[in-house]
Amino acid sequence: MINLDSIKVGGKVVASNLQGVVDSGTSMIAGDTSVMQSVTSSIGSATSPVTCGDTSKPDITFTIDGKEYTLTESDYQVKMTVLGQTQCVNGFMGMKLPARMSKMVILGDVFMRKFLTHFDLDNNRVGMALAKH
């Protein structure tokens, strides 16, 4: 669990004072519908196909303990191929969470594939850095 100060869409804060969960077992970036709606209203949701390679959607920036981590549209697009058909969706997903978890956002693989994540269990902390491509 980490402090997630804010989420910005195109430079505008759309959610703040959140808790983040860095989880390699979650494919998308997920959170309560009330939080994710503020993101997906500008870019579409994981259930809405988008044009692969499109770059017209805004950047999404996560501020974690005062440091900004920005995903461009190509970073948050998820490409899926089923029966030879390829399509892309945005890697953000809203779901109904219990009230006690409504300010929690799961930063899954969509986030972690851009930012190398180090779980330091000895010191009870998580470190992140831009991963080389």
Protein backbone atom coordinates (compact mmCIF):
# COMPACT_ATOMS: atom_id res chain seq x y z
CA MET A 1 0.00 0.00 0.00
CA ILE A 2 1.37 3.41 -0.99
CA ASN A 3 0.19 7.01 -0.77
CA LEU A 4 -1.34 8.07 -4.08
CA ASP A 5 -1.52 11.84 -3.82
CA SER A 6 -3.46 12.41 -7.03
CA ILE A 7 -4.40 11.29 -10.52
CA LYS A 8 -4.24 13.87 -13.30
CA VAL A 9 -5.80 13.58 -16.73
CA GLY A 10 -4.17 15.94 -19.20
CA GLY A 11 -2.64 17.92 -16.33
CA LYS A 12 -5.95 18.38 -14.44
CA VAL A 13 -6.37 16.68 -11.04
CA VAL A 14 -9.40 14.39 -11.21
CA ALA A 15 -8.88 12.44 -7.96
CA SER A 16 -6.76 12.97 -4.86
CA ASN A 17 -5.93 11.62 -1.40
CA LEU A 18 -6.03 8.00 -2.49
CA GLN A 19 -4.32 4.80 -1.44
CA GLY A 20 -2.45 2.85 -4.09
CA VAL A 21 -1.89 -0.88 -4.23
CA VAL A 22 0.92 -2.02 -6.53
CA ASP A 23 -0.12 -5.46 -7.72
CA SER A 24 1.47 -7.57 -10.45
CA GLY A 25 -1.52 -9.92 -10.27
CA THR A 26 -3.84 -7.26 -11.72
CA SER A 27 -3.66 -6.61 -15.45
CA MET A 28 -5.28 -3.17 -15.49
CA ILE A 29 -5.32 -0.05 -13.36
CA ALA A 30 -8.47 -0.53 -11.33
CA GLY A 31 -10.40 1.30 -8.69
CA ASP A 32 -13.84 2.16 -7.46
CA THR A 33 -16.20 3.28 -10.20
CA SER A 34 -16.46 6.74 -8.61
CA VAL A 35 -12.69 7.29 -8.93
CA MET A 36 -12.17 5.59 -12.30
CA GLN A 37 -15.11 7.43 -13.90
CA SER A 38 -13.11 10.65 -13.58
CA VAL A 39 -10.35 9.05 -15.69
CA THR A 40 -12.38 6.99 -18.15
CA SER A 41 -14.75 9.84 -19.01
CA SER A 42 -11.84 11.40 -20.94
CA ILE A 43 -10.23 8.29 -22.43
CA GLY A 44 -12.83 5.50 -22.45
CA SER A 45 -12.89 2.38 -20.33
CA ALA A 46 -11.41 -1.08 -20.66
CA THR A 47 -14.67 -2.21 -22.27
CA SER A 48 -14.45 0.45 -25.01
CA PRO A 49 -12.24 -0.48 -27.98
CA VAL A 50 -9.87 2.25 -29.16
CA THR A 51 -7.73 2.61 -32.27
CA CYS A 52 -4.40 0.88 -31.65
CA GLY A 53 -1.57 3.40 -31.77
CA ASP A 54 -3.89 6.39 -31.36
CA THR A 55 -2.18 9.25 -29.56
CA SER A 56 -5.07 11.72 -29.33
CA LYS A 57 -5.98 10.91 -25.72
CA PRO A 58 -4.43 12.78 -22.76
CA ASP A 59 -1.57 11.62 -20.57
CA ILE A 60 -2.48 10.22 -17.16
CA THR A 61 -0.19 11.21 -14.28
CA PHE A 62 -0.06 9.51 -10.90
CA THR A 63 1.55 11.52 -8.11
CA ILE A 64 2.99 9.15 -5.53
CA ASP A 65 4.58 10.71 -2.45
CA GLY A 66 5.14 13.93 -4.40
CA LYS A 67 6.76 12.30 -7.45
CA GLU A 68 4.97 12.18 -10.80
CA TYR A 69 4.65 9.03 -12.92
CA THR A 70 3.11 9.71 -16.33
CA LEU A 71 1.54 7.23 -18.73
CA THR A 72 0.97 8.28 -22.33
CA GLU A 73 -1.84 6.77 -24.36
CA SER A 74 0.50 4.21 -25.90
CA ASP A 75 1.54 3.23 -22.35
CA TYR A 76 -2.01 2.66 -21.12
CA GLN A 77 -3.37 0.93 -24.21
CA VAL A 78 -3.71 -2.83 -23.91
CA LYS A 79 -3.50 -4.77 -27.18
CA MET A 80 -5.48 -8.00 -27.35
CA THR A 81 -5.60 -10.55 -30.15
CA VAL A 82 -8.42 -13.09 -30.21
CA LEU A 83 -8.99 -15.45 -33.15
CA GLY A 84 -6.62 -13.40 -35.30
CA GLN A 85 -8.44 -10.13 -34.59
CA THR A 86 -6.40 -7.46 -32.78
CA GLN A 87 -7.96 -4.59 -30.90
CA CYS A 88 -6.87 -2.19 -28.20
CA VAL A 89 -8.62 -1.02 -25.05
CA ASN A 90 -7.62 1.48 -22.40
CA GLY A 91 -6.09 -0.14 -19.34
CA PHE A 92 -8.37 1.50 -16.75
CA MET A 93 -11.22 -0.33 -15.13
CA GLY A 94 -13.85 0.78 -12.62
CA MET A 95 -15.59 -1.62 -10.28
CA LYS A 96 -17.90 -1.36 -7.32
CA LEU A 97 -15.80 -1.64 -4.16
CA PRO A 98 -16.89 -1.66 -0.51
CA ALA A 99 -17.04 1.84 1.02
CA ARG A 100 -13.88 1.25 3.08
CA MET A 101 -11.96 0.61 -0.17
CA SER A 102 -13.51 3.37 -2.31
CA LYS A 103 -10.33 5.51 -2.24
CA MET A 104 -8.08 2.62 -3.27
CA VAL A 105 -6.54 2.31 -6.75
CA ILE A 106 -4.79 -0.85 -7.89
CA LEU A 107 -1.76 -0.09 -10.04
CA GLY A 108 -1.45 -3.30 -12.01
CA ASP A 109 0.55 -4.39 -15.03
CA VAL A 110 -0.43 -1.37 -17.15
CA PHE A 111 1.45 0.82 -14.64
CA MET A 112 4.21 -1.66 -13.80
CA ARG A 113 5.29 -2.34 -17.39
CA LYS A 114 6.54 1.27 -17.62
CA PHE A 115 7.83 1.71 -14.08
CA LEU A 116 10.19 -0.84 -12.61
CA THR A 117 8.87 -1.68 -9.16
CA HIS A 118 11.01 -2.91 -6.29
CA PHE A 119 9.33 -4.36 -3.22
CA ASP A 120 11.72 -3.83 -0.29
CA LEU A 121 10.22 -6.08 2.37
CA ASP A 122 13.09 -5.58 4.82
CA ASN A 123 12.39 -1.84 5.00
CA ASN A 124 8.64 -2.02 4.34
CA ARG A 125 8.73 0.20 1.23
CA VAL A 126 8.18 0.20 -2.52
CA GLY A 127 10.55 1.88 -4.97
CA MET A 128 9.79 2.82 -8.57
CA ALA A 129 11.86 3.95 -11.54
CA LEU A 130 11.32 4.35 -15.25
CA ALA A 131 11.97 1.00 -16.90
CA LYS A 132 14.22 0.95 -19.97
CA HIS A 133 12.38 -0.06 -23.11
